[in-house]
Full PDB file with SEQRES, HELIX, SHEET, SSBOND, CRYST1, ORIGX, SCALE, CONECT and MASTER records, all heavy atoms in Angstrom:
SEQRES   1 A   41  VAL ASP PRO ARG TRP VAL ARG PRO VAL PRO ALA GLU LEU          
SEQRES   2 A   41  VAL THR LEU ALA ARG ASP HIS ARG LEU VAL VAL THR VAL          
SEQRES   3 A   41  GLU ASP GLY VAL ARG THR GLY GLY VAL GLY ASP ALA VAL          
SEQRES   4 A   41  ALA LYS                                                      
HELIX    1 AA1 ALA A   11  ARG A   18  1                                   8    
HELIX    2 AA2 VAL A   35  ALA A   40  1                                   6    
CRYST1    1.000    1.000    1.000  90.00  90.00  90.00 P 1           1          
ORIGX1      1.000000  0.000000  0.000000        0.00000                         
ORIGX2      0.000000  1.000000  0.000000        0.00000                         
ORIGX3      0.000000  0.000000  1.000000        0.00000                         
SCALE1      1.000000  0.000000  0.000000        0.00000                         
SCALE2      0.000000  1.000000  0.000000        0.00000                         
SCALE3      0.000000  0.000000  1.000000        0.00000                         
ATOM      1  N   VAL A   1      13.769  18.621 -33.581  1.00  0.00           N  
ATOM      2  CA  VAL A   1      12.812  19.437 -34.357  1.00  0.00           C  
ATOM      3  C   VAL A   1      13.084  21.005 -34.063  1.00  0.00           C  
ATOM      4  O   VAL A   1      13.491  21.353 -32.955  1.00  0.00           O  
ATOM      5  CB  VAL A   1      11.405  19.089 -34.071  1.00  0.00           C  
ATOM      6  CG1 VAL A   1      11.037  17.768 -34.476  1.00  0.00           C  
ATOM      7  CG2 VAL A   1      11.117  19.310 -32.553  1.00  0.00           C  
ATOM      8  N   ASP A   2      12.912  21.779 -35.066  1.00  0.00           N  
ATOM      9  CA  ASP A   2      12.822  23.230 -34.902  1.00  0.00           C  
ATOM     10  C   ASP A   2      11.389  23.627 -35.089  1.00  0.00           C  
ATOM     11  O   ASP A   2      10.817  23.621 -36.166  1.00  0.00           O  
ATOM     12  CB  ASP A   2      13.696  23.882 -35.917  1.00  0.00           C  
ATOM     13  CG  ASP A   2      13.561  25.311 -36.039  1.00  0.00           C  
ATOM     14  OD1 ASP A   2      12.893  25.920 -35.105  1.00  0.00           O  
ATOM     15  OD2 ASP A   2      14.042  26.013 -37.065  1.00  0.00           O  
ATOM     16  N   PRO A   3      10.757  24.126 -34.013  1.00  0.00           N  
ATOM     17  CA  PRO A   3       9.305  24.466 -34.196  1.00  0.00           C  
ATOM     18  C   PRO A   3       9.049  25.676 -35.048  1.00  0.00           C  
ATOM     19  O   PRO A   3       7.915  25.851 -35.516  1.00  0.00           O  
ATOM     20  CB  PRO A   3       8.931  24.785 -32.713  1.00  0.00           C  
ATOM     21  CG  PRO A   3      10.170  25.101 -32.014  1.00  0.00           C  
ATOM     22  CD  PRO A   3      11.230  24.308 -32.638  1.00  0.00           C  
ATOM     23  N   ARG A   4      10.077  26.429 -35.373  1.00  0.00           N  
ATOM     24  CA  ARG A   4      10.050  27.636 -36.156  1.00  0.00           C  
ATOM     25  C   ARG A   4       9.168  28.721 -35.533  1.00  0.00           C  
ATOM     26  O   ARG A   4       9.591  29.694 -35.296  1.00  0.00           O  
ATOM     27  CB  ARG A   4       9.472  27.351 -37.627  1.00  0.00           C  
ATOM     28  CG  ARG A   4      10.424  26.304 -38.363  1.00  0.00           C  
ATOM     29  CD  ARG A   4       9.847  25.937 -39.719  1.00  0.00           C  
ATOM     30  NE  ARG A   4       9.758  27.043 -40.602  1.00  0.00           N  
ATOM     31  CZ  ARG A   4       8.655  27.627 -40.951  1.00  0.00           C  
ATOM     32  NH1 ARG A   4       7.532  27.202 -40.459  1.00  0.00           N  
ATOM     33  NH2 ARG A   4       8.652  28.660 -41.775  1.00  0.00           N  
ATOM     34  N   TRP A   5       7.951  28.348 -35.349  1.00  0.00           N  
ATOM     35  CA  TRP A   5       7.017  29.304 -34.617  1.00  0.00           C  
ATOM     36  C   TRP A   5       6.709  28.669 -33.241  1.00  0.00           C  
ATOM     37  O   TRP A   5       6.203  27.631 -33.088  1.00  0.00           O  
ATOM     38  CB  TRP A   5       5.674  29.436 -35.374  1.00  0.00           C  
ATOM     39  CG  TRP A   5       5.857  30.338 -36.594  1.00  0.00           C  
ATOM     40  CD1 TRP A   5       6.237  29.861 -37.821  1.00  0.00           C  
ATOM     41  CD2 TRP A   5       5.677  31.681 -36.676  1.00  0.00           C  
ATOM     42  NE1 TRP A   5       6.266  30.892 -38.758  1.00  0.00           N  
ATOM     43  CE2 TRP A   5       5.992  32.027 -38.063  1.00  0.00           C  
ATOM     44  CE3 TRP A   5       5.312  32.727 -35.852  1.00  0.00           C  
ATOM     45  CZ2 TRP A   5       5.957  33.406 -38.517  1.00  0.00           C  
ATOM     46  CZ3 TRP A   5       5.312  34.042 -36.217  1.00  0.00           C  
ATOM     47  CH2 TRP A   5       5.583  34.350 -37.606  1.00  0.00           C  
ATOM     48  N   VAL A   6       7.288  29.377 -32.202  1.00  0.00           N  
ATOM     49  CA  VAL A   6       7.267  28.826 -30.891  1.00  0.00           C  
ATOM     50  C   VAL A   6       6.062  29.165 -30.044  1.00  0.00           C  
ATOM     51  O   VAL A   6       5.668  28.491 -29.046  1.00  0.00           O  
ATOM     52  CB  VAL A   6       8.541  29.211 -30.068  1.00  0.00           C  
ATOM     53  CG1 VAL A   6       9.797  28.626 -30.736  1.00  0.00           C  
ATOM     54  CG2 VAL A   6       8.683  30.647 -29.978  1.00  0.00           C  
ATOM     55  N   ARG A   7       5.402  30.212 -30.411  1.00  0.00           N  
ATOM     56  CA  ARG A   7       4.152  30.696 -29.842  1.00  0.00           C  
ATOM     57  C   ARG A   7       3.042  31.018 -30.908  1.00  0.00           C  
ATOM     58  O   ARG A   7       3.465  31.846 -31.775  1.00  0.00           O  
ATOM     59  CB  ARG A   7       4.330  31.828 -28.954  1.00  0.00           C  
ATOM     60  CG  ARG A   7       5.186  31.605 -27.653  1.00  0.00           C  
ATOM     61  CD  ARG A   7       4.457  30.620 -26.680  1.00  0.00           C  
ATOM     62  NE  ARG A   7       5.271  30.345 -25.553  1.00  0.00           N  
ATOM     63  CZ  ARG A   7       5.153  31.061 -24.317  1.00  0.00           C  
ATOM     64  NH1 ARG A   7       4.228  31.927 -24.300  1.00  0.00           N  
ATOM     65  NH2 ARG A   7       5.930  30.711 -23.249  1.00  0.00           N  
ATOM     66  N   PRO A   8       1.994  30.428 -30.920  1.00  0.00           N  
ATOM     67  CA  PRO A   8       1.539  29.352 -29.965  1.00  0.00           C  
ATOM     68  C   PRO A   8       2.234  28.055 -30.411  1.00  0.00           C  
ATOM     69  O   PRO A   8       2.728  27.923 -31.440  1.00  0.00           O  
ATOM     70  CB  PRO A   8      -0.035  29.254 -30.249  1.00  0.00           C  
ATOM     71  CG  PRO A   8      -0.213  29.798 -31.613  1.00  0.00           C  
ATOM     72  CD  PRO A   8       0.833  30.860 -31.769  1.00  0.00           C  
ATOM     73  N   VAL A   9       2.244  27.084 -29.419  1.00  0.00           N  
ATOM     74  CA  VAL A   9       2.890  25.821 -29.677  1.00  0.00           C  
ATOM     75  C   VAL A   9       2.169  25.156 -30.828  1.00  0.00           C  
ATOM     76  O   VAL A   9       1.003  24.899 -30.758  1.00  0.00           O  
ATOM     77  CB  VAL A   9       2.907  24.951 -28.420  1.00  0.00           C  
ATOM     78  CG1 VAL A   9       3.501  23.595 -28.664  1.00  0.00           C  
ATOM     79  CG2 VAL A   9       3.720  25.741 -27.298  1.00  0.00           C  
ATOM     80  N   PRO A  10       2.973  24.664 -31.872  1.00  0.00           N  
ATOM     81  CA  PRO A  10       2.406  24.022 -33.000  1.00  0.00           C  
ATOM     82  C   PRO A  10       1.716  22.711 -32.525  1.00  0.00           C  
ATOM     83  O   PRO A  10       2.200  21.920 -31.829  1.00  0.00           O  
ATOM     84  CB  PRO A  10       3.486  23.766 -33.954  1.00  0.00           C  
ATOM     85  CG  PRO A  10       4.573  24.806 -33.555  1.00  0.00           C  
ATOM     86  CD  PRO A  10       4.404  24.944 -32.121  1.00  0.00           C  
ATOM     87  N   ALA A  11       0.575  22.398 -33.114  1.00  0.00           N  
ATOM     88  CA  ALA A  11      -0.169  21.188 -32.735  1.00  0.00           C  
ATOM     89  C   ALA A  11       0.636  19.993 -33.184  1.00  0.00           C  
ATOM     90  O   ALA A  11       0.636  18.941 -32.593  1.00  0.00           O  
ATOM     91  CB  ALA A  11      -1.499  21.090 -33.421  1.00  0.00           C  
ATOM     92  N   GLU A  12       1.375  20.165 -34.318  1.00  0.00           N  
ATOM     93  CA  GLU A  12       2.209  18.962 -34.682  1.00  0.00           C  
ATOM     94  C   GLU A  12       3.339  18.634 -33.716  1.00  0.00           C  
ATOM     95  O   GLU A  12       3.759  17.472 -33.662  1.00  0.00           O  
ATOM     96  CB  GLU A  12       2.952  19.398 -35.992  1.00  0.00           C  
ATOM     97  CG  GLU A  12       1.958  19.632 -37.208  1.00  0.00           C  
ATOM     98  CD  GLU A  12       1.378  21.104 -37.148  1.00  0.00           C  
ATOM     99  OE1 GLU A  12       1.849  21.897 -36.337  1.00  0.00           O  
ATOM    100  OE2 GLU A  12       0.434  21.398 -37.943  1.00  0.00           O  
ATOM    101  N   LEU A  13       3.767  19.683 -32.888  1.00  0.00           N  
ATOM    102  CA  LEU A  13       4.825  19.314 -31.888  1.00  0.00           C  
ATOM    103  C   LEU A  13       4.227  18.354 -30.878  1.00  0.00           C  
ATOM    104  O   LEU A  13       4.844  17.507 -30.299  1.00  0.00           O  
ATOM    105  CB  LEU A  13       5.269  20.597 -31.299  1.00  0.00           C  
ATOM    106  CG  LEU A  13       6.608  20.593 -30.526  1.00  0.00           C  
ATOM    107  CD1 LEU A  13       7.700  20.163 -31.481  1.00  0.00           C  
ATOM    108  CD2 LEU A  13       6.883  21.927 -29.965  1.00  0.00           C  
ATOM    109  N   VAL A  14       3.003  18.620 -30.476  1.00  0.00           N  
ATOM    110  CA  VAL A  14       2.266  17.748 -29.565  1.00  0.00           C  
ATOM    111  C   VAL A  14       2.198  16.353 -30.098  1.00  0.00           C  
ATOM    112  O   VAL A  14       2.390  15.365 -29.421  1.00  0.00           O  
ATOM    113  CB  VAL A  14       0.933  18.303 -29.130  1.00  0.00           C  
ATOM    114  CG1 VAL A  14       0.160  17.340 -28.196  1.00  0.00           C  
ATOM    115  CG2 VAL A  14       1.084  19.759 -28.501  1.00  0.00           C  
ATOM    116  N   THR A  15       1.762  16.289 -31.348  1.00  0.00           N  
ATOM    117  CA  THR A  15       1.667  14.934 -32.025  1.00  0.00           C  
ATOM    118  C   THR A  15       2.940  14.120 -32.015  1.00  0.00           C  
ATOM    119  O   THR A  15       2.920  12.993 -31.750  1.00  0.00           O  
ATOM    120  CB  THR A  15       1.127  15.149 -33.429  1.00  0.00           C  
ATOM    121  OG1 THR A  15      -0.223  15.778 -33.420  1.00  0.00           O  
ATOM    122  CG2 THR A  15       0.876  13.778 -34.121  1.00  0.00           C  
ATOM    123  N   LEU A  16       4.008  14.813 -32.359  1.00  0.00           N  
ATOM    124  CA  LEU A  16       5.351  14.189 -32.279  1.00  0.00           C  
ATOM    125  C   LEU A  16       5.720  13.751 -30.926  1.00  0.00           C  
ATOM    126  O   LEU A  16       6.381  12.676 -30.759  1.00  0.00           O  
ATOM    127  CB  LEU A  16       6.434  15.177 -32.882  1.00  0.00           C  
ATOM    128  CG  LEU A  16       6.364  15.494 -34.387  1.00  0.00           C  
ATOM    129  CD1 LEU A  16       7.179  16.766 -34.756  1.00  0.00           C  
ATOM    130  CD2 LEU A  16       6.835  14.295 -35.160  1.00  0.00           C  
ATOM    131  N   ALA A  17       5.359  14.517 -29.889  1.00  0.00           N  
ATOM    132  CA  ALA A  17       5.807  14.156 -28.572  1.00  0.00           C  
ATOM    133  C   ALA A  17       5.111  12.862 -28.155  1.00  0.00           C  
ATOM    134  O   ALA A  17       5.646  12.082 -27.335  1.00  0.00           O  
ATOM    135  CB  ALA A  17       5.344  15.257 -27.576  1.00  0.00           C  
ATOM    136  N   ARG A  18       3.865  12.585 -28.590  1.00  0.00           N  
ATOM    137  CA  ARG A  18       3.232  11.359 -28.237  1.00  0.00           C  
ATOM    138  C   ARG A  18       3.993  10.080 -28.464  1.00  0.00           C  
ATOM    139  O   ARG A  18       3.875   9.071 -27.770  1.00  0.00           O  
ATOM    140  CB  ARG A  18       1.835  11.285 -29.007  1.00  0.00           C  
ATOM    141  CG  ARG A  18       0.775  12.237 -28.574  1.00  0.00           C  
ATOM    142  CD  ARG A  18      -0.511  11.894 -29.311  1.00  0.00           C  
ATOM    143  NE  ARG A  18      -1.514  12.961 -29.037  1.00  0.00           N  
ATOM    144  CZ  ARG A  18      -2.350  13.024 -28.106  1.00  0.00           C  
ATOM    145  NH1 ARG A  18      -2.315  12.014 -27.236  1.00  0.00           N  
ATOM    146  NH2 ARG A  18      -3.179  13.975 -27.886  1.00  0.00           N  
ATOM    147  N   ASP A  19       4.807  10.176 -29.532  1.00  0.00           N  
ATOM    148  CA  ASP A  19       5.571   9.009 -29.890  1.00  0.00           C  
ATOM    149  C   ASP A  19       6.967   8.737 -29.344  1.00  0.00           C  
ATOM    150  O   ASP A  19       7.672   7.906 -29.698  1.00  0.00           O  
ATOM    151  CB  ASP A  19       5.708   9.034 -31.537  1.00  0.00           C  
ATOM    152  CG  ASP A  19       4.412   9.077 -32.247  1.00  0.00           C  
ATOM    153  OD1 ASP A  19       3.395   8.415 -31.741  1.00  0.00           O  
ATOM    154  OD2 ASP A  19       4.303   9.680 -33.331  1.00  0.00           O  
ATOM    155  N   HIS A  20       7.232   9.639 -28.405  1.00  0.00           N  
ATOM    156  CA  HIS A  20       8.567   9.604 -27.768  1.00  0.00           C  
ATOM    157  C   HIS A  20       8.442   9.290 -26.264  1.00  0.00           C  
ATOM    158  O   HIS A  20       7.412   9.645 -25.614  1.00  0.00           O  
ATOM    159  CB  HIS A  20       9.350  10.898 -28.013  1.00  0.00           C  
ATOM    160  CG  HIS A  20       9.684  11.055 -29.480  1.00  0.00           C  
ATOM    161  ND1 HIS A  20       8.778  11.450 -30.441  1.00  0.00           N  
ATOM    162  CD2 HIS A  20      10.905  10.972 -30.118  1.00  0.00           C  
ATOM    163  CE1 HIS A  20       9.493  11.568 -31.585  1.00  0.00           C  
ATOM    164  NE2 HIS A  20      10.686  11.202 -31.423  1.00  0.00           N  
ATOM    165  N   ARG A  21       9.508   8.810 -25.701  1.00  0.00           N  
ATOM    166  CA  ARG A  21       9.616   8.462 -24.296  1.00  0.00           C  
ATOM    167  C   ARG A  21       9.949   9.695 -23.437  1.00  0.00           C  
ATOM    168  O   ARG A  21       9.681   9.779 -22.218  1.00  0.00           O  
ATOM    169  CB  ARG A  21      10.618   7.354 -24.068  1.00  0.00           C  
ATOM    170  CG  ARG A  21      10.321   6.142 -24.800  1.00  0.00           C  
ATOM    171  CD  ARG A  21      11.536   5.195 -24.758  1.00  0.00           C  
ATOM    172  NE  ARG A  21      11.899   4.898 -23.394  1.00  0.00           N  
ATOM    173  CZ  ARG A  21      13.113   4.729 -22.931  1.00  0.00           C  
ATOM    174  NH1 ARG A  21      14.152   4.941 -23.725  1.00  0.00           N  
ATOM    175  NH2 ARG A  21      13.355   4.408 -21.687  1.00  0.00           N  
ATOM    176  N   LEU A  22      10.570  10.776 -23.996  1.00  0.00           N  
ATOM    177  CA  LEU A  22      10.985  11.998 -23.348  1.00  0.00           C  
ATOM    178  C   LEU A  22      11.020  13.168 -24.323  1.00  0.00           C  
ATOM    179  O   LEU A  22      11.286  12.990 -25.423  1.00  0.00           O  
ATOM    180  CB  LEU A  22      12.319  11.725 -22.737  1.00  0.00           C  
ATOM    181  CG  LEU A  22      13.092  12.906 -22.017  1.00  0.00           C  
ATOM    182  CD1 LEU A  22      12.395  13.196 -20.722  1.00  0.00           C  
ATOM    183  CD2 LEU A  22      14.533  12.599 -21.758  1.00  0.00           C  
ATOM    184  N   VAL A  23      10.596  14.344 -23.813  1.00  0.00           N  
ATOM    185  CA  VAL A  23      10.656  15.584 -24.510  1.00  0.00           C  
ATOM    186  C   VAL A  23      11.650  16.447 -23.780  1.00  0.00           C  
ATOM    187  O   VAL A  23      11.553  16.626 -22.565  1.00  0.00           O  
ATOM    188  CB  VAL A  23       9.247  16.299 -24.694  1.00  0.00           C  
ATOM    189  CG1 VAL A  23       9.511  17.585 -25.353  1.00  0.00           C  
ATOM    190  CG2 VAL A  23       8.345  15.315 -25.321  1.00  0.00           C  
ATOM    191  N   VAL A  24      12.554  17.034 -24.530  1.00  0.00           N  
ATOM    192  CA  VAL A  24      13.534  18.032 -23.987  1.00  0.00           C  
ATOM    193  C   VAL A  24      13.493  19.311 -24.758  1.00  0.00           C  
ATOM    194  O   VAL A  24      13.587  19.207 -26.092  1.00  0.00           O  
ATOM    195  CB  VAL A  24      14.899  17.474 -23.947  1.00  0.00           C  
ATOM    196  CG1 VAL A  24      15.964  18.493 -23.412  1.00  0.00           C  
ATOM    197  CG2 VAL A  24      15.087  16.205 -23.077  1.00  0.00           C  
ATOM    198  N   THR A  25      13.271  20.513 -24.242  1.00  0.00           N  
ATOM    199  CA  THR A  25      13.383  21.678 -24.845  1.00  0.00           C  
ATOM    200  C   THR A  25      14.710  22.434 -24.523  1.00  0.00           C  
ATOM    201  O   THR A  25      15.163  22.317 -23.420  1.00  0.00           O  
ATOM    202  CB  THR A  25      12.218  22.638 -24.573  1.00  0.00           C  
ATOM    203  OG1 THR A  25      12.265  22.947 -23.189  1.00  0.00           O  
ATOM    204  CG2 THR A  25      10.846  21.893 -24.881  1.00  0.00           C  
ATOM    205  N   VAL A  26      15.303  23.147 -25.525  1.00  0.00           N  
ATOM    206  CA  VAL A  26      16.433  23.808 -25.216  1.00  0.00           C  
ATOM    207  C   VAL A  26      16.278  25.292 -26.036  1.00  0.00           C  
ATOM    208  O   VAL A  26      16.007  25.339 -27.151  1.00  0.00           O  
ATOM    209  CB  VAL A  26      17.724  23.162 -25.719  1.00  0.00           C  
ATOM    210  CG1 VAL A  26      17.718  22.812 -27.180  1.00  0.00           C  
ATOM    211  CG2 VAL A  26      18.967  23.913 -25.348  1.00  0.00           C  
ATOM    212  N   GLU A  27      16.436  26.295 -25.210  1.00  0.00           N  
ATOM    213  CA  GLU A  27      16.241  27.652 -25.640  1.00  0.00           C  
ATOM    214  C   GLU A  27      17.168  28.655 -25.131  1.00  0.00           C  
ATOM    215  O   GLU A  27      17.764  28.387 -24.000  1.00  0.00           O  
ATOM    216  CB  GLU A  27      14.687  28.064 -25.279  1.00  0.00           C  
ATOM    217  CG  GLU A  27      14.459  28.094 -23.814  1.00  0.00           C  
ATOM    218  CD  GLU A  27      13.012  28.322 -23.512  1.00  0.00           C  
ATOM    219  OE1 GLU A  27      12.405  29.383 -23.877  1.00  0.00           O  
ATOM    220  OE2 GLU A  27      12.326  27.303 -22.849  1.00  0.00           O  
ATOM    221  N   ASP A  28      17.291  29.780 -25.798  1.00  0.00           N  
ATOM    222  CA  ASP A  28      18.231  30.831 -25.280  1.00  0.00           C  
ATOM    223  C   ASP A  28      17.477  31.926 -24.579  1.00  0.00           C  
ATOM    224  O   ASP A  28      17.922  33.050 -24.597  1.00  0.00           O  
ATOM    225  CB  ASP A  28      19.142  31.334 -26.333  1.00  0.00           C  
ATOM    226  CG  ASP A  28      18.365  31.953 -27.549  1.00  0.00           C  
ATOM    227  OD1 ASP A  28      17.165  31.795 -27.545  1.00  0.00           O  
ATOM    228  OD2 ASP A  28      18.974  32.621 -28.375  1.00  0.00           O  
ATOM    229  N   GLY A  29      16.382  31.608 -24.006  1.00  0.00           N  
ATOM    230  CA  GLY A  29      15.656  32.571 -23.194  1.00  0.00           C  
ATOM    231  C   GLY A  29      15.473  31.961 -21.757  1.00  0.00           C  
ATOM    232  O   GLY A  29      15.850  30.842 -21.553  1.00  0.00           O  
ATOM    233  N   VAL A  30      14.948  32.751 -20.828  1.00  0.00           N  
ATOM    234  CA  VAL A  30      14.721  32.294 -19.446  1.00  0.00           C  
ATOM    235  C   VAL A  30      13.744  31.076 -19.411  1.00  0.00           C  
ATOM    236  O   VAL A  30      12.754  31.030 -20.211  1.00  0.00           O  
ATOM    237  CB  VAL A  30      14.263  33.463 -18.574  1.00  0.00           C  
ATOM    238  CG1 VAL A  30      15.375  34.489 -18.371  1.00  0.00           C  
ATOM    239  CG2 VAL A  30      13.011  34.033 -19.004  1.00  0.00           C  
ATOM    240  N   ARG A  31      13.963  30.144 -18.493  1.00  0.00           N  
ATOM    241  CA  ARG A  31      13.094  29.033 -18.464  1.00  0.00           C  
ATOM    242  C   ARG A  31      11.745  29.331 -17.982  1.00  0.00           C  
ATOM    243  O   ARG A  31      10.735  28.849 -18.452  1.00  0.00           O  
ATOM    244  CB  ARG A  31      13.807  27.969 -17.544  1.00  0.00           C  
ATOM    245  CG  ARG A  31      15.108  27.402 -17.987  1.00  0.00           C  
ATOM    246  CD  ARG A  31      15.678  26.448 -16.949  1.00  0.00           C  
ATOM    247  NE  ARG A  31      14.733  25.443 -16.559  1.00  0.00           N  
ATOM    248  CZ  ARG A  31      14.888  24.813 -15.378  1.00  0.00           C  
ATOM    249  NH1 ARG A  31      15.769  25.039 -14.495  1.00  0.00           N  
ATOM    250  NH2 ARG A  31      14.016  23.799 -15.058  1.00  0.00           N  
ATOM    251  N   THR A  32      11.626  30.205 -17.027  1.00  0.00           N  
ATOM    252  CA  THR A  32      10.379  30.547 -16.409  1.00  0.00           C  
ATOM    253  C   THR A  32       9.463  31.213 -17.473  1.00  0.00           C  
ATOM    254  O   THR A  32       9.838  32.378 -17.833  1.00  0.00           O  
ATOM    255  CB  THR A  32      10.551  31.468 -15.235  1.00  0.00           C  
ATOM    256  OG1 THR A  32      11.451  30.813 -14.327  1.00  0.00           O  
ATOM    257  CG2 THR A  32       9.276  31.854 -14.510  1.00  0.00           C  
ATOM    258  N   GLY A  33       8.395  30.575 -17.758  1.00  0.00           N  
ATOM    259  CA  GLY A  33       7.534  31.136 -18.812  1.00  0.00           C  
ATOM    260  C   GLY A  33       7.968  31.088 -20.204  1.00  0.00           C  
ATOM    261  O   GLY A  33       7.393  31.631 -21.068  1.00  0.00           O  
ATOM    262  N   GLY A  34       9.102  30.314 -20.369  1.00  0.00           N  
ATOM    263  CA  GLY A  34       9.604  30.167 -21.762  1.00  0.00           C  
ATOM    264  C   GLY A  34       9.011  29.147 -22.662  1.00  0.00           C  
ATOM    265  O   GLY A  34       7.772  28.669 -22.332  1.00  0.00           O  
ATOM    266  N   VAL A  35       9.668  28.706 -23.662  1.00  0.00           N  
ATOM    267  CA  VAL A  35       9.234  27.760 -24.526  1.00  0.00           C  
ATOM    268  C   VAL A  35       8.935  26.408 -23.877  1.00  0.00           C  
ATOM    269  O   VAL A  35       7.961  25.740 -24.173  1.00  0.00           O  
ATOM    270  CB  VAL A  35      10.088  27.523 -25.781  1.00  0.00           C  
ATOM    271  CG1 VAL A  35       9.588  26.439 -26.741  1.00  0.00           C  
ATOM    272  CG2 VAL A  35      10.271  28.870 -26.517  1.00  0.00           C  
ATOM    273  N   GLY A  36       9.899  25.998 -23.031  1.00  0.00           N  
ATOM    274  CA  GLY A  36       9.646  24.825 -22.206  1.00  0.00           C  
ATOM    275  C   GLY A  36       8.339  24.674 -21.472  1.00  0.00           C  
ATOM    276  O   GLY A  36       7.627  23.722 -21.544  1.00  0.00           O  
ATOM    277  N   ASP A  37       8.090  25.808 -20.815  1.00  0.00           N  
ATOM    278  CA  ASP A  37       6.788  25.924 -20.075  1.00  0.00           C  
ATOM    279  C   ASP A  37       5.646  25.766 -20.999  1.00  0.00           C  
ATOM    280  O   ASP A  37       4.580  25.217 -20.655  1.00  0.00           O  
ATOM    281  CB  ASP A  37       6.708  27.357 -19.313  1.00  0.00           C  
ATOM    282  CG  ASP A  37       7.257  27.185 -17.936  1.00  0.00           C  
ATOM    283  OD1 ASP A  37       7.611  26.148 -17.462  1.00  0.00           O  
ATOM    284  OD2 ASP A  37       7.398  28.249 -17.346  1.00  0.00           O  
ATOM    285  N   ALA A  38       5.664  26.547 -22.137  1.00  0.00           N  
ATOM    286  CA  ALA A  38       4.562  26.476 -23.162  1.00  0.00           C  
ATOM    287  C   ALA A  38       4.355  25.107 -23.678  1.00  0.00           C  
ATOM    288  O   ALA A  38       3.212  24.656 -23.780  1.00  0.00           O  
ATOM    289  CB  ALA A  38       4.887  27.451 -24.285  1.00  0.00           C  
ATOM    290  N   VAL A  39       5.455  24.388 -24.013  1.00  0.00           N  
ATOM    291  CA  VAL A  39       5.250  23.035 -24.561  1.00  0.00           C  
ATOM    292  C   VAL A  39       4.724  22.142 -23.484  1.00  0.00           C  
ATOM    293  O   VAL A  39       3.783  21.212 -23.707  1.00  0.00           O  
ATOM    294  CB  VAL A  39       6.631  22.523 -24.984  1.00  0.00           C  
ATOM    295  CG1 VAL A  39       6.540  21.001 -25.389  1.00  0.00           C  
ATOM    296  CG2 VAL A  39       7.107  23.293 -26.278  1.00  0.00           C  
ATOM    297  N   ALA A  40       5.153  22.226 -22.177  1.00  0.00           N  
ATOM    298  CA  ALA A  40       4.585  21.427 -21.160  1.00  0.00           C  
ATOM    299  C   ALA A  40       3.115  21.594 -20.935  1.00  0.00           C  
ATOM    300  O   ALA A  40       2.432  20.714 -20.737  1.00  0.00           O  
ATOM    301  CB  ALA A  40       5.383  21.832 -19.811  1.00  0.00           C  
ATOM    302  N   LYS A  41       2.692  22.973 -21.053  1.00  0.00           N  
ATOM    303  CA  LYS A  41       1.273  23.221 -20.883  1.00  0.00           C  
ATOM    304  C   LYS A  41       0.435  22.581 -22.064  1.00  0.00           C  
ATOM    305  O   LYS A  41      -0.548  22.012 -21.836  1.00  0.00           O  
ATOM    306  CB  LYS A  41       1.083  24.703 -20.833  1.00  0.00           C  
ATOM    307  CG  LYS A  41      -0.334  25.078 -20.728  1.00  0.00           C  
ATOM    308  CD  LYS A  41      -0.537  26.612 -20.656  1.00  0.00           C  
ATOM    309  CE  LYS A  41      -2.068  27.017 -20.464  1.00  0.00           C  
ATOM    310  NZ  LYS A  41      -2.846  26.572 -21.605  1.00  0.00           N  
TER     311      LYS A  41                                                      
MASTER        0    0    0    2    0    0    0    6  310    1    0    4          
END                                                                             
């Protein structure tokens, strides 16, 4: 998926995550405080 709008984290992204065994984010910004952190929260 491409969230398109990464902040705030789209509610639909959370819904999609419920149906999967693992979530992986990949971004071209620093990990600390990045999109991965936001999705985890």
